[in-house]
Amino acid sequence: MPSAEEVGKRKAKPIRALDLFCGAGGSSLGARAAGVQVVGGVDLSNLAEKVYKDNFPKAHFFRRRIEGLSASAVKREVGPVQLLLASPECTNHSCAKGAKRRSEASRQTAFEVLRFAKAFKPRWIVVENVIQMKSWAKYAKWLRRLEGLGYKTTEHVLNAADFGVPQARKRLFILADLLHRPPSQIDMQDGRVPVRKVLNMNGVYAYSTLRKKGRAKRTLRHAKRAMRNVGMKRPFIVVYYGSDGAGGWQRLSEPLRTVTTLDRFALVRRIDGGHKMRMLQVPELWAAMGFPDDFKLNHGVRRERIGLFGNAVCPPVMKSVITALISKPPKGIQP
């Protein structure tokens, strides 16, 4: 005869989630790891649709521009959800070099999250974005409207490196709860994972001579600077398109610098008496994003795949955020 605890587990219904601007599915992967049932994703990208469907075959997918997508129609198809995830377009908030300026309409997609929140009335909402979103002129207005729907909110700037992800990636997370004030702190992991953990050093990928004819002088300057710091024998990474003043290189003992939509990391090693280099490969980049080993990526060319990861959410971070949000509030916390 089953115990009362076993009966209770059978009766408990899973929390159901809808993921807006889902991209490759980083937020959905984090939600699934937290025990949430992901029932749908929304994104305009054809590549995102193919990748998402491979990894969430039972979830509905809506490949539409969100401004023209009926929230009530989506609700009729996926049913009620208790958790809404969203990563609105962030290009115009970002200060990353190489990002093209886009219209105010790109920023306005954040207000579409409110439209879906009003239609679905989920218990919980998590909105992820670049930290520059807080500098957006309409951010305070947007947050007031979210709270005007009855939600209590907290804001968190989290670094993926504090959650077991071998990458330094700071992002803004806005947590919302209809019943209780969301947690003011998210549990982090002790220690940081170095980028060397995700690099394939077994000679699987081809290298080229560092000082080959035609190599950019700037790349050689970055490499020379790195060698002055780590020595001639230790491997290092050359970082392209950097804007943080870190000198264009990094050690393998540190988390990878932020993965963007640009192909910007090259591994340099001393092989057979000379220095060779190669760009980091897609499997290494998805591991640096914290994507699981069984993640399926069977579509798109290299540039498109890197673009997917540059816009993605690190699953371990989202898992920690959701776990904290859906947990019962500590005693003494008032709804």
C-alpha atoms as a PDB file:
ATOM      1  CA  MET A   1       0.000   0.000   0.000  1.00  0.00           C
ATOM      2  CA  PRO A   2       1.499   3.393  -0.985  1.00  0.00           C
ATOM      3  CA  SER A   3       2.435   5.805   1.772  1.00  0.00           C
ATOM      4  CA  ALA A   4       0.657   9.130   2.257  1.00  0.00           C
ATOM      5  CA  GLU A   5       3.767  10.869   0.919  1.00  0.00           C
ATOM      6  CA  GLU A   6       3.722   8.772  -2.266  1.00  0.00           C
ATOM      7  CA  VAL A   7       0.020   9.466  -2.787  1.00  0.00           C
ATOM      8  CA  GLY A   8       0.669  13.182  -2.327  1.00  0.00           C
ATOM      9  CA  LYS A   9       3.410  13.136  -4.955  1.00  0.00           C
ATOM     10  CA  ARG A  10       1.092  11.407  -7.425  1.00  0.00           C
ATOM     11  CA  LYS A  11      -1.599  13.996  -6.914  1.00  0.00           C
ATOM     12  CA  ALA A  12       0.738  16.977  -7.136  1.00  0.00           C
ATOM     13  CA  LYS A  13       0.482  18.645 -10.515  1.00  0.00           C
ATOM     14  CA  PRO A  14       3.665  19.988 -12.104  1.00  0.00           C
ATOM     15  CA  ILE A  15       4.134  23.704 -12.485  1.00  0.00           C
ATOM     16  CA  ARG A  16       3.549  24.560 -16.148  1.00  0.00           C
ATOM     17  CA  ALA A  17       5.593  27.258 -17.911  1.00  0.00           C
ATOM     18  CA  LEU A  18       5.500  29.301 -21.118  1.00  0.00           C
ATOM     19  CA  ASP A  19       8.771  30.742 -22.432  1.00  0.00           C
ATOM     20  CA  LEU A  20       8.581  34.019 -24.411  1.00  0.00           C
ATOM     21  CA  PHE A  21      11.557  34.954 -26.643  1.00  0.00           C
ATOM     22  CA  CYS A  22      12.785  31.427 -25.929  1.00  0.00           C
ATOM     23  CA  GLY A  23      15.631  31.279 -28.459  1.00  0.00           C
ATOM     24  CA  ALA A  24      17.665  28.090 -28.099  1.00  0.00           C
ATOM     25  CA  GLY A  25      15.766  27.214 -24.929  1.00  0.00           C
ATOM     26  CA  GLY A  26      18.200  28.152 -22.156  1.00  0.00           C
ATOM     27  CA  SER A  27      15.448  29.365 -19.820  1.00  0.00           C
ATOM     28  CA  SER A  28      13.310  26.337 -20.641  1.00  0.00           C
ATOM     29  CA  LEU A  29      16.218  23.995 -19.894  1.00  0.00           C
ATOM     30  CA  GLY A  30      16.698  25.703 -16.548  1.00  0.00           C
ATOM     31  CA  ALA A  31      12.986  25.425 -15.810  1.00  0.00           C
ATOM     32  CA  ARG A  32      12.948  21.735 -16.693  1.00  0.00           C
ATOM     33  CA  ALA A  33      15.951  21.139 -14.436  1.00  0.00           C
ATOM     34  CA  ALA A  34      13.976  22.832 -11.638  1.00  0.00           C
ATOM     35  CA  GLY A  35      11.123  20.342 -12.111  1.00  0.00           C
ATOM     36  CA  VAL A  36       8.870  22.589 -14.196  1.00  0.00           C
ATOM     37  CA  GLN A  37       6.899  21.315 -17.198  1.00  0.00           C
ATOM     38  CA  VAL A  38       7.575  23.585 -20.178  1.00  0.00           C
ATOM     39  CA  VAL A  39       4.469  23.613 -22.375  1.00  0.00           C
ATOM     40  CA  GLY A  40       5.353  26.230 -24.975  1.00  0.00           C
ATOM     41  CA  GLY A  41       7.894  28.577 -26.486  1.00  0.00           C
ATOM     42  CA  VAL A  42       7.602  31.743 -28.566  1.00  0.00           C
ATOM     43  CA  ASP A  43      10.306  33.069 -30.888  1.00  0.00           C
ATOM     44  CA  LEU A  44      10.552  34.602 -34.350  1.00  0.00           C
ATOM     45  CA  SER A  45      13.690  32.717 -35.402  1.00  0.00           C
ATOM     46  CA  ASN A  46      13.367  29.750 -37.737  1.00  0.00           C
ATOM     47  CA  LEU A  47      16.603  28.281 -36.356  1.00  0.00           C
ATOM     48  CA  ALA A  48      15.380  28.708 -32.783  1.00  0.00           C
ATOM     49  CA  GLU A  49      12.197  26.837 -33.671  1.00  0.00           C
ATOM     50  CA  LYS A  50      14.105  23.853 -35.066  1.00  0.00           C
ATOM     51  CA  VAL A  51      16.497  23.671 -32.122  1.00  0.00           C
ATOM     52  CA  TYR A  52      13.745  24.186 -29.552  1.00  0.00           C
ATOM     53  CA  LYS A  53      11.540  21.467 -31.030  1.00  0.00           C
ATOM     54  CA  ASP A  54      14.434  19.000 -30.970  1.00  0.00           C
ATOM     55  CA  ASN A  55      14.956  19.617 -27.256  1.00  0.00           C
ATOM     56  CA  PHE A  56      11.298  20.096 -26.250  1.00  0.00           C
ATOM     57  CA  PRO A  57       9.366  17.847 -28.657  1.00  0.00           C
ATOM     58  CA  LYS A  58       6.184  17.888 -26.564  1.00  0.00           C
ATOM     59  CA  ALA A  59       6.015  21.665 -26.183  1.00  0.00           C
ATOM     60  CA  HIS A  60       4.004  23.935 -28.470  1.00  0.00           C
ATOM     61  CA  PHE A  61       6.028  26.425 -30.500  1.00  0.00           C
ATOM     62  CA  PHE A  62       4.812  29.724 -31.920  1.00  0.00           C
ATOM     63  CA  ARG A  63       7.108  31.219 -34.567  1.00  0.00           C
ATOM     64  CA  ARG A  64       5.595  34.659 -34.736  1.00  0.00           C
ATOM     65  CA  ARG A  65       6.525  38.223 -33.990  1.00  0.00           C
ATOM     66  CA  ILE A  66       5.146  38.597 -30.496  1.00  0.00           C
ATOM     67  CA  GLU A  67       3.421  41.922 -31.241  1.00  0.00           C
ATOM     68  CA  GLY A  68       1.118  40.099 -33.654  1.00  0.00           C
ATOM     69  CA  LEU A  69       0.564  37.006 -31.530  1.00  0.00           C
ATOM     70  CA  SER A  70      -2.749  36.658 -29.698  1.00  0.00           C
ATOM     71  CA  ALA A  71      -2.135  35.794 -26.049  1.00  0.00           C
ATOM     72  CA  SER A  72      -5.638  34.364 -25.737  1.00  0.00           C
ATOM     73  CA  ALA A  73      -5.031  32.105 -28.756  1.00  0.00           C
ATOM     74  CA  VAL A  74      -1.799  30.844 -27.211  1.00  0.00           C
ATOM     75  CA  LYS A  75      -3.622  30.194 -23.954  1.00  0.00           C
ATOM     76  CA  ARG A  76      -6.303  28.180 -25.724  1.00  0.00           C
ATOM     77  CA  GLU A  77      -3.608  25.987 -27.245  1.00  0.00           C
ATOM     78  CA  VAL A  78      -1.257  25.466 -24.298  1.00  0.00           C
ATOM     79  CA  GLY A  79      -3.718  25.799 -21.430  1.00  0.00           C
ATOM     80  CA  PRO A  80      -3.054  27.587 -18.131  1.00  0.00           C
ATOM     81  CA  VAL A  81       0.491  28.200 -16.922  1.00  0.00           C
ATOM     82  CA  GLN A  82       1.752  29.050 -13.468  1.00  0.00           C
ATOM     83  CA  LEU A  83       5.138  30.390 -14.582  1.00  0.00           C
ATOM     84  CA  LEU A  84       5.905  32.874 -17.358  1.00  0.00           C
ATOM     85  CA  LEU A  85       9.503  33.192 -18.562  1.00  0.00           C
ATOM     86  CA  ALA A  86      10.619  36.019 -20.827  1.00  0.00           C
ATOM     87  CA  SER A  87      13.824  37.433 -22.296  1.00  0.00           C
ATOM     88  CA  PRO A  88      12.652  40.449 -24.331  1.00  0.00           C
ATOM     89  CA  GLU A  89      14.835  41.813 -27.122  1.00  0.00           C
ATOM     90  CA  CYS A  90      17.883  43.431 -25.588  1.00  0.00           C
ATOM     91  CA  THR A  91      19.888  44.798 -28.538  1.00  0.00           C
ATOM     92  CA  ASN A  92      19.066  48.414 -27.832  1.00  0.00           C
ATOM     93  CA  HIS A  93      19.881  48.054 -24.136  1.00  0.00           C
ATOM     94  CA  SER A  94      23.252  46.409 -24.734  1.00  0.00           C
ATOM     95  CA  CYS A  95      26.545  48.264 -24.913  1.00  0.00           C
ATOM     96  CA  ALA A  96      28.301  45.300 -26.557  1.00  0.00           C
ATOM     97  CA  LYS A  97      30.428  46.268 -29.535  1.00  0.00           C
ATOM     98  CA  GLY A  98      29.203  44.913 -32.835  1.00  0.00           C
ATOM     99  CA  ALA A  99      25.544  45.192 -31.875  1.00  0.00           C
ATOM    100  CA  LYS A 100      23.550  47.245 -34.374  1.00  0.00           C
ATOM    101  CA  ARG A 101      21.278  49.972 -33.133  1.00  0.00           C
ATOM    102  CA  ARG A 102      17.648  49.016 -33.515  1.00  0.00           C
ATOM    103  CA  SER A 103      14.409  50.892 -33.217  1.00  0.00           C
ATOM    104  CA  GLU A 104      12.533  51.667 -30.027  1.00  0.00           C
ATOM    105  CA  ALA A 105      10.126  48.918 -31.114  1.00  0.00           C
ATOM    106  CA  SER A 106      12.794  46.415 -30.067  1.00  0.00           C
ATOM    107  CA  ARG A 107      12.702  47.705 -26.496  1.00  0.00           C
ATOM    108  CA  GLN A 108       8.935  47.867 -26.531  1.00  0.00           C
ATOM    109  CA  THR A 109       8.780  44.069 -26.657  1.00  0.00           C
ATOM    110  CA  ALA A 110       9.137  44.178 -22.867  1.00  0.00           C
ATOM    111  CA  PHE A 111       5.583  45.525 -22.713  1.00  0.00           C
ATOM    112  CA  GLU A 112       4.387  42.427 -24.580  1.00  0.00           C
ATOM    113  CA  VAL A 113       5.382  40.450 -21.496  1.00  0.00           C
ATOM    114  CA  LEU A 114       2.779  42.423 -19.548  1.00  0.00           C
ATOM    115  CA  ARG A 115       0.140  41.611 -22.145  1.00  0.00           C
ATOM    116  CA  PHE A 116       0.801  37.897 -21.762  1.00  0.00           C
ATOM    117  CA  ALA A 117       0.916  38.216 -17.972  1.00  0.00           C
ATOM    118  CA  LYS A 118      -2.501  39.855 -18.020  1.00  0.00           C
ATOM    119  CA  ALA A 119      -3.936  37.120 -20.258  1.00  0.00           C
ATOM    120  CA  PHE A 120      -2.444  34.116 -18.448  1.00  0.00           C
ATOM    121  CA  LYS A 121      -2.345  35.467 -14.875  1.00  0.00           C
ATOM    122  CA  PRO A 122       0.542  33.159 -13.892  1.00  0.00           C
ATOM    123  CA  ARG A 123       1.515  32.889 -10.247  1.00  0.00           C
ATOM    124  CA  TRP A 124       5.171  33.602 -11.064  1.00  0.00           C
ATOM    125  CA  ILE A 125       7.107  35.552 -13.703  1.00  0.00           C
ATOM    126  CA  VAL A 126      10.840  35.687 -14.444  1.00  0.00           C
ATOM    127  CA  VAL A 127      12.138  38.323 -16.876  1.00  0.00           C
ATOM    128  CA  GLU A 128      15.803  38.119 -17.911  1.00  0.00           C
ATOM    129  CA  ASN A 129      17.757  40.806 -19.744  1.00  0.00           C
ATOM    130  CA  VAL A 130      21.063  42.643 -19.953  1.00  0.00           C
ATOM    131  CA  ILE A 131      21.734  44.808 -16.923  1.00  0.00           C
ATOM    132  CA  GLN A 132      21.508  47.952 -19.092  1.00  0.00           C
ATOM    133  CA  MET A 133      17.754  47.414 -19.244  1.00  0.00           C
ATOM    134  CA  LYS A 134      17.530  49.302 -15.938  1.00  0.00           C
ATOM    135  CA  SER A 135      18.843  52.396 -17.742  1.00  0.00           C
ATOM    136  CA  TRP A 136      15.995  52.249 -20.266  1.00  0.00           C
ATOM    137  CA  ALA A 137      13.884  55.407 -19.993  1.00  0.00           C
ATOM    138  CA  LYS A 138      10.677  53.369 -19.729  1.00  0.00           C
ATOM    139  CA  TYR A 139      11.968  50.767 -17.274  1.00  0.00           C
ATOM    140  CA  ALA A 140      10.355  52.331 -14.193  1.00  0.00           C
ATOM    141  CA  LYS A 141       7.054  52.660 -16.051  1.00  0.00           C
ATOM    142  CA  TRP A 142       7.274  49.042 -17.190  1.00  0.00           C
ATOM    143  CA  LEU A 143       7.986  47.817 -13.652  1.00  0.00           C
ATOM    144  CA  ARG A 144       5.087  49.856 -12.229  1.00  0.00           C
ATOM    145  CA  ARG A 145       2.743  48.300 -14.769  1.00  0.00           C
ATOM    146  CA  LEU A 146       3.924  44.827 -13.812  1.00  0.00           C
ATOM    147  CA  GLU A 147       3.307  45.598 -10.151  1.00  0.00           C
ATOM    148  CA  GLY A 148      -0.026  47.143 -11.154  1.00  0.00           C
ATOM    149  CA  LEU A 149      -1.122  43.666 -12.255  1.00  0.00           C
ATOM    150  CA  GLY A 150      -0.818  42.592  -8.633  1.00  0.00           C
ATOM    151  CA  TYR A 151       2.740  41.269  -8.619  1.00  0.00           C
ATOM    152  CA  LYS A 152       5.348  41.801  -5.944  1.00  0.00           C
ATOM    153  CA  THR A 153       8.816  42.058  -7.478  1.00  0.00           C
ATOM    154  CA  THR A 154      12.518  41.852  -6.723  1.00  0.00           C
ATOM    155  CA  GLU A 155      15.472  42.624  -8.994  1.00  0.00           C
ATOM    156  CA  HIS A 156      18.742  40.700  -9.128  1.00  0.00           C
ATOM    157  CA  VAL A 157      21.964  41.192 -11.073  1.00  0.00           C
ATOM    158  CA  LEU A 158      23.481  37.712 -11.238  1.00  0.00           C
ATOM    159  CA  ASN A 159      26.783  36.480 -12.628  1.00  0.00           C
ATOM    160  CA  ALA A 160      26.594  33.031 -14.234  1.00  0.00           C
ATOM    161  CA  ALA A 161      30.070  32.288 -12.861  1.00  0.00           C
ATOM    162  CA  ASP A 162      28.532  32.197  -9.368  1.00  0.00           C
ATOM    163  CA  PHE A 163      26.239  29.332 -10.391  1.00  0.00           C
ATOM    164  CA  GLY A 164      28.716  26.766 -11.663  1.00  0.00           C
ATOM    165  CA  VAL A 165      28.822  28.138 -15.212  1.00  0.00           C
ATOM    166  CA  PRO A 166      32.380  28.489 -16.595  1.00  0.00           C
ATOM    167  CA  GLN A 167      31.636  31.975 -17.923  1.00  0.00           C
ATOM    168  CA  ALA A 168      31.507  35.494 -16.476  1.00  0.00           C
ATOM    169  CA  ARG A 169      28.081  36.666 -17.630  1.00  0.00           C
ATOM    170  CA  LYS A 170      26.105  39.289 -15.706  1.00  0.00           C
ATOM    171  CA  ARG A 171      22.392  39.556 -16.365  1.00  0.00           C
ATOM    172  CA  LEU A 172      19.372  41.212 -14.792  1.00  0.00           C
ATOM    173  CA  PHE A 173      16.594  38.987 -13.456  1.00  0.00           C
ATOM    174  CA  ILE A 174      13.244  40.451 -12.417  1.00  0.00           C
ATOM    175  CA  LEU A 175      11.231  38.052 -10.250  1.00  0.00           C
ATOM    176  CA  ALA A 176       7.486  38.491  -9.753  1.00  0.00           C
ATOM    177  CA  ASP A 177       5.023  36.641  -7.508  1.00  0.00           C
ATOM    178  CA  LEU A 178       1.285  37.235  -7.101  1.00  0.00           C
ATOM    179  CA  LEU A 179       1.148  35.972  -3.509  1.00  0.00           C
ATOM    180  CA  HIS A 180       4.467  36.601  -1.788  1.00  0.00           C
ATOM    181  CA  ARG A 181       7.400  38.932  -2.139  1.00  0.00           C
ATOM    182  CA  PRO A 182       9.992  37.044  -4.225  1.00  0.00           C
ATOM    183  CA  PRO A 183      13.285  36.099  -2.563  1.00  0.00           C
ATOM    184  CA  SER A 184      15.773  38.889  -2.017  1.00  0.00           C
ATOM    185  CA  GLN A 185      18.708  36.499  -2.436  1.00  0.00           C
ATOM    186  CA  ILE A 186      19.454  33.584  -4.756  1.00  0.00           C
ATOM    187  CA  ASP A 187      21.706  30.794  -3.478  1.00  0.00           C
ATOM    188  CA  MET A 188      25.049  30.737  -5.266  1.00  0.00           C
ATOM    189  CA  GLN A 189      27.675  28.038  -5.676  1.00  0.00           C
ATOM    190  CA  ASP A 190      30.999  28.137  -3.857  1.00  0.00           C
ATOM    191  CA  GLY A 191      33.995  28.520  -6.135  1.00  0.00           C
ATOM    192  CA  ARG A 192      34.135  29.246  -9.832  1.00  0.00           C
ATOM    193  CA  VAL A 193      34.630  26.853 -12.741  1.00  0.00           C
ATOM    194  CA  PRO A 194      37.585  27.707 -15.024  1.00  0.00           C
ATOM    195  CA  VAL A 195      37.166  27.730 -18.787  1.00  0.00           C
ATOM    196  CA  ARG A 196      39.757  24.963 -19.143  1.00  0.00           C
ATOM    197  CA  LYS A 197      37.071  22.528 -17.919  1.00  0.00           C
ATOM    198  CA  VAL A 198      35.138  22.894 -21.192  1.00  0.00           C
ATOM    199  CA  LEU A 199      38.047  23.046 -23.641  1.00  0.00           C
ATOM    200  CA  ASN A 200      38.957  20.049 -25.774  1.00  0.00           C
ATOM    201  CA  MET A 201      42.741  19.771 -25.581  1.00  0.00           C
ATOM    202  CA  ASN A 202      42.971  16.372 -27.302  1.00  0.00           C
ATOM    203  CA  GLY A 203      43.789  17.609 -30.790  1.00  0.00           C
ATOM    204  CA  VAL A 204      40.308  17.030 -32.193  1.00  0.00           C
ATOM    205  CA  TYR A 205      40.155  20.532 -33.657  1.00  0.00           C
ATOM    206  CA  ALA A 206      42.633  21.914 -36.187  1.00  0.00           C
ATOM    207  CA  TYR A 207      45.075  24.683 -35.242  1.00  0.00           C
ATOM    208  CA  SER A 208      46.905  27.186 -37.411  1.00  0.00           C
ATOM    209  CA  THR A 209      50.265  28.847 -36.803  1.00  0.00           C
ATOM    210  CA  LEU A 210      49.884  31.918 -34.609  1.00  0.00           C
ATOM    211  CA  ARG A 211      52.324  34.010 -36.620  1.00  0.00           C
ATOM    212  CA  LYS A 212      51.122  32.948 -40.034  1.00  0.00           C
ATOM    213  CA  LYS A 213      51.098  35.433 -42.894  1.00  0.00           C
ATOM    214  CA  GLY A 214      48.093  37.723 -42.776  1.00  0.00           C
ATOM    215  CA  ARG A 215      47.400  37.305 -39.058  1.00  0.00           C
ATOM    216  CA  ALA A 216      45.993  40.548 -37.656  1.00  0.00           C
ATOM    217  CA  LYS A 217      48.598  42.652 -35.858  1.00  0.00           C
ATOM    218  CA  ARG A 218      46.155  43.264 -33.034  1.00  0.00           C
ATOM    219  CA  THR A 219      45.818  39.505 -32.444  1.00  0.00           C
ATOM    220  CA  LEU A 220      49.601  39.194 -32.253  1.00  0.00           C
ATOM    221  CA  ARG A 221      49.777  42.096 -29.785  1.00  0.00           C
ATOM    222  CA  HIS A 222      47.195  40.419 -27.548  1.00  0.00           C
ATOM    223  CA  ALA A 223      49.098  37.126 -27.716  1.00  0.00           C
ATOM    224  CA  LYS A 224      52.408  38.841 -26.913  1.00  0.00           C
ATOM    225  CA  ARG A 225      50.821  40.551 -23.919  1.00  0.00           C
ATOM    226  CA  ALA A 226      49.467  37.212 -22.693  1.00  0.00           C
ATOM    227  CA  MET A 227      52.861  35.507 -23.018  1.00  0.00           C
ATOM    228  CA  ARG A 228      54.491  38.243 -20.954  1.00  0.00           C
ATOM    229  CA  ASN A 229      52.048  37.385 -18.173  1.00  0.00           C
ATOM    230  CA  VAL A 230      51.700  33.575 -18.315  1.00  0.00           C
ATOM    231  CA  GLY A 231      54.995  32.608 -19.941  1.00  0.00           C
ATOM    232  CA  MET A 232      55.782  30.964 -23.254  1.00  0.00           C
ATOM    233  CA  LYS A 233      54.562  27.458 -22.414  1.00  0.00           C
ATOM    234  CA  ARG A 234      51.124  27.977 -20.870  1.00  0.00           C
ATOM    235  CA  PRO A 235      48.004  28.130 -23.075  1.00  0.00           C
ATOM    236  CA  PHE A 236      45.709  31.150 -22.997  1.00  0.00           C
ATOM    237  CA  ILE A 237      42.729  32.646 -24.804  1.00  0.00           C
ATOM    238  CA  VAL A 238      42.805  35.663 -27.093  1.00  0.00           C
ATOM    239  CA  VAL A 239      39.611  37.698 -26.730  1.00  0.00           C
ATOM    240  CA  TYR A 240      38.304  39.695 -29.679  1.00  0.00           C
ATOM    241  CA  TYR A 241      35.834  42.617 -29.575  1.00  0.00           C
ATOM    242  CA  GLY A 242      36.449  43.282 -25.884  1.00  0.00           C
ATOM    243  CA  SER A 243      35.327  46.529 -24.280  1.00  0.00           C
ATOM    244  CA  ASP A 244      36.294  45.878 -20.658  1.00  0.00           C
ATOM    245  CA  GLY A 245      39.924  46.959 -20.880  1.00  0.00           C
ATOM    246  CA  ALA A 246      41.221  43.492 -19.958  1.00  0.00           C
ATOM    247  CA  GLY A 247      43.960  43.507 -22.587  1.00  0.00           C
ATOM    248  CA  GLY A 248      42.471  41.189 -25.178  1.00  0.00           C
ATOM    249  CA  TRP A 249      43.364  37.896 -23.484  1.00  0.00           C
ATOM    250  CA  GLN A 250      42.543  35.734 -20.473  1.00  0.00           C
ATOM    251  CA  ARG A 251      43.895  32.801 -18.470  1.00  0.00           C
ATOM    252  CA  LEU A 252      42.398  29.307 -18.667  1.00  0.00           C
ATOM    253  CA  SER A 253      42.152  29.276 -14.870  1.00  0.00           C
ATOM    254  CA  GLU A 254      39.323  31.846 -15.013  1.00  0.00           C
ATOM    255  CA  PRO A 255      35.729  31.559 -16.263  1.00  0.00           C
ATOM    256  CA  LEU A 256      35.390  32.497 -19.924  1.00  0.00           C
ATOM    257  CA  ARG A 257      34.602  36.130 -20.607  1.00  0.00           C
ATOM    258  CA  THR A 258      31.030  36.811 -21.765  1.00  0.00           C
ATOM    259  CA  VAL A 259      29.856  34.797 -24.766  1.00  0.00           C
ATOM    260  CA  THR A 260      28.226  37.161 -27.270  1.00  0.00           C
ATOM    261  CA  THR A 261      26.749  36.736 -30.741  1.00  0.00           C
ATOM    262  CA  LEU A 262      30.250  37.306 -32.155  1.00  0.00           C
ATOM    263  CA  ASP A 263      32.918  34.654 -32.735  1.00  0.00           C
ATOM    264  CA  ARG A 264      35.452  36.169 -30.348  1.00  0.00           C
ATOM    265  CA  PHE A 265      37.529  33.547 -28.511  1.00  0.00           C
ATOM    266  CA  ALA A 266      40.728  31.868 -29.763  1.00  0.00           C
ATOM    267  CA  LEU A 267      42.766  29.285 -27.863  1.00  0.00           C
ATOM    268  CA  VAL A 268      46.547  29.646 -28.166  1.00  0.00           C
ATOM    269  CA  ARG A 269      48.841  26.728 -27.266  1.00  0.00           C
ATOM    270  CA  ARG A 270      52.483  25.801 -27.701  1.00  0.00           C
ATOM    271  CA  ILE A 271      52.524  22.717 -29.954  1.00  0.00           C
ATOM    272  CA  ASP A 272      55.636  21.080 -31.440  1.00  0.00           C
ATOM    273  CA  GLY A 273      57.817  23.969 -30.375  1.00  0.00           C
ATOM    274  CA  GLY A 274      55.653  26.731 -31.811  1.00  0.00           C
ATOM    275  CA  HIS A 275      52.497  28.617 -30.892  1.00  0.00           C
ATOM    276  CA  LYS A 276      49.283  27.554 -32.634  1.00  0.00           C
ATOM    277  CA  MET A 277      45.770  28.909 -32.337  1.00  0.00           C
ATOM    278  CA  ARG A 278      42.173  27.984 -33.128  1.00  0.00           C
ATOM    279  CA  MET A 279      38.785  29.511 -32.464  1.00  0.00           C
ATOM    280  CA  LEU A 280      36.700  27.967 -29.685  1.00  0.00           C
ATOM    281  CA  GLN A 281      34.220  25.509 -31.155  1.00  0.00           C
ATOM    282  CA  VAL A 282      30.444  25.393 -30.771  1.00  0.00           C
ATOM    283  CA  PRO A 283      30.386  22.431 -28.306  1.00  0.00           C
ATOM    284  CA  GLU A 284      32.879  24.304 -26.112  1.00  0.00           C
ATOM    285  CA  LEU A 285      30.762  27.448 -26.233  1.00  0.00           C
ATOM    286  CA  TRP A 286      27.545  25.678 -25.319  1.00  0.00           C
ATOM    287  CA  ALA A 287      29.366  23.997 -22.422  1.00  0.00           C
ATOM    288  CA  ALA A 288      30.614  27.454 -21.388  1.00  0.00           C
ATOM    289  CA  MET A 289      26.965  28.580 -21.352  1.00  0.00           C
ATOM    290  CA  GLY A 290      26.070  25.754 -18.975  1.00  0.00           C
ATOM    291  CA  PHE A 291      24.006  23.853 -21.543  1.00  0.00           C
ATOM    292  CA  PRO A 292      23.749  20.115 -20.759  1.00  0.00           C
ATOM    293  CA  ASP A 293      25.768  17.468 -22.594  1.00  0.00           C
ATOM    294  CA  ASP A 294      22.622  15.992 -24.150  1.00  0.00           C
ATOM    295  CA  PHE A 295      21.555  19.301 -25.709  1.00  0.00           C
ATOM    296  CA  LYS A 296      20.672  18.769 -29.364  1.00  0.00           C
ATOM    297  CA  LEU A 297      22.030  21.238 -31.921  1.00  0.00           C
ATOM    298  CA  ASN A 298      21.588  19.792 -35.398  1.00  0.00           C
ATOM    299  CA  HIS A 299      20.718  22.924 -37.369  1.00  0.00           C
ATOM    300  CA  GLY A 300      22.375  26.124 -38.551  1.00  0.00           C
ATOM    301  CA  VAL A 301      25.893  27.069 -39.599  1.00  0.00           C
ATOM    302  CA  ARG A 302      28.600  28.103 -37.143  1.00  0.00           C
ATOM    303  CA  ARG A 303      27.783  31.822 -37.231  1.00  0.00           C
ATOM    304  CA  GLU A 304      24.076  31.165 -36.602  1.00  0.00           C
ATOM    305  CA  ARG A 305      24.792  28.754 -33.763  1.00  0.00           C
ATOM    306  CA  ILE A 306      27.092  31.214 -32.026  1.00  0.00           C
ATOM    307  CA  GLY A 307      24.371  33.839 -32.416  1.00  0.00           C
ATOM    308  CA  LEU A 308      21.923  31.546 -30.620  1.00  0.00           C
ATOM    309  CA  PHE A 309      24.239  31.109 -27.648  1.00  0.00           C
ATOM    310  CA  GLY A 310      25.157  34.775 -27.490  1.00  0.00           C
ATOM    311  CA  ASN A 311      21.493  35.593 -26.912  1.00  0.00           C
ATOM    312  CA  ALA A 312      20.781  32.632 -24.631  1.00  0.00           C
ATOM    313  CA  VAL A 313      20.125  32.310 -20.908  1.00  0.00           C
ATOM    314  CA  CYS A 314      22.459  30.058 -18.913  1.00  0.00           C
ATOM    315  CA  PRO A 315      20.298  27.111 -17.757  1.00  0.00           C
ATOM    316  CA  PRO A 316      21.965  26.659 -14.321  1.00  0.00           C
ATOM    317  CA  VAL A 317      21.266  30.294 -13.439  1.00  0.00           C
ATOM    318  CA  MET A 318      17.614  30.033 -14.457  1.00  0.00           C
ATOM    319  CA  LYS A 319      17.293  26.772 -12.531  1.00  0.00           C
ATOM    320  CA  SER A 320      18.530  28.473  -9.349  1.00  0.00           C
ATOM    321  CA  VAL A 321      16.280  31.494  -9.892  1.00  0.00           C
ATOM    322  CA  ILE A 322      13.160  29.387 -10.447  1.00  0.00           C
ATOM    323  CA  THR A 323      13.954  27.064  -7.545  1.00  0.00           C
ATOM    324  CA  ALA A 324      14.215  30.059  -5.220  1.00  0.00           C
ATOM    325  CA  LEU A 325      11.073  31.679  -6.628  1.00  0.00           C
ATOM    326  CA  ILE A 326       8.719  28.705  -6.403  1.00  0.00           C
ATOM    327  CA  SER A 327       9.896  27.594  -2.971  1.00  0.00           C
ATOM    328  CA  LYS A 328       7.675  28.400  -0.030  1.00  0.00           C
ATOM    329  CA  PRO A 329       8.644  31.708   1.620  1.00  0.00           C
ATOM    330  CA  PRO A 330      10.477  31.506   4.944  1.00  0.00           C
ATOM    331  CA  LYS A 331       8.463  31.887   8.131  1.00  0.00           C
ATOM    332  CA  GLY A 332       7.818  35.490   8.997  1.00  0.00           C
ATOM    333  CA  ILE A 333       7.627  36.615   5.369  1.00  0.00           C
ATOM    334  CA  GLN A 334       4.251  38.172   4.738  1.00  0.00           C
ATOM    335  CA  PRO A 335       2.412  37.749   1.428  1.00  0.00           C
END
